[in-house]
Structure formats: C-alpha cells, structure tokens
C-alpha cells in the first residue's frame, strides 16, 4: 500500500479525515482512516 508514496490524504463524504506521512503510520492506521474516519494521532475522548 505504501509503494512510492510519501504522504496520504483521506477524505470521506467531502471532508478531510487527515493527512499523514506514510512512513509514520502503519497500513492498519491508514485503513482506520479510510473505514472508521479516525486519524491515527487523534486522542480518544
């Protein structure tokens, strides 16, 4: 999933979920952004 990429931006329903450096997140983090709209560095309430 990270081949030749340096940054990833995820949008859902026209809103930005977040932008991350792909070297600082895992594939599971990216999938959480896509599926759950959860930024990997977001603190849980």
Protein backbone atom coordinates (compact mmCIF):
# COMPACT_ATOMS: atom_id res chain seq x y z
CA UNK A 1 0.00 0.00 0.00
CA UNK A 2 2.92 2.36 0.67
CA UNK A 3 4.90 1.75 -2.51
CA UNK A 4 6.24 5.03 -3.97
CA UNK A 5 4.17 7.21 -1.62
CA UNK A 6 5.35 9.86 0.83
CA UNK A 7 2.05 11.26 2.08
CA UNK A 8 -1.57 10.17 2.18
CA UNK A 9 -4.69 12.29 2.46
CA UNK A 10 -8.00 10.62 3.26
CA UNK A 11 -11.39 12.19 2.56
CA UNK A 12 -14.85 10.86 3.34
CA UNK A 13 -18.12 12.47 2.29
CA UNK A 14 -16.24 15.53 1.06
CA UNK A 15 -14.47 16.15 4.38
CA UNK A 16 -10.79 15.68 5.13
CA UNK A 17 -10.17 12.91 7.66
CA UNK A 18 -6.47 13.71 7.75
CA UNK A 19 -3.13 13.83 6.01
CA UNK A 20 -0.23 11.72 7.23
CA UNK A 21 3.34 10.88 6.32
CA UNK A 22 3.13 7.23 5.27
CA UNK A 23 6.46 6.46 6.99
CA UNK A 24 4.94 7.44 10.35
CA UNK A 25 1.82 5.23 10.19
CA UNK A 26 1.04 1.56 9.65
CA UNK A 27 -1.21 0.06 7.00
CA UNK A 28 -3.76 -0.54 9.77
CA UNK A 29 -3.66 3.18 10.63
CA UNK A 30 -4.41 4.06 7.00
CA UNK A 31 -7.26 1.56 6.90
CA UNK A 32 -8.70 3.03 10.12
CA UNK A 33 -8.66 6.44 8.46
CA UNK A 34 -10.47 5.07 5.41
CA UNK A 35 -13.01 2.84 7.17
CA UNK A 36 -13.53 4.47 10.58
CA UNK A 37 -12.66 8.12 9.75
CA UNK A 38 -10.19 8.02 12.63
CA UNK A 39 -6.89 9.92 12.42
CA UNK A 40 -4.07 7.74 13.83
CA UNK A 41 -2.66 10.56 16.01
CA UNK A 42 -6.07 11.66 17.33
CA UNK A 43 -6.54 11.31 21.09
CA UNK A 44 -9.55 9.28 22.17
CA UNK A 45 -12.14 11.02 24.34
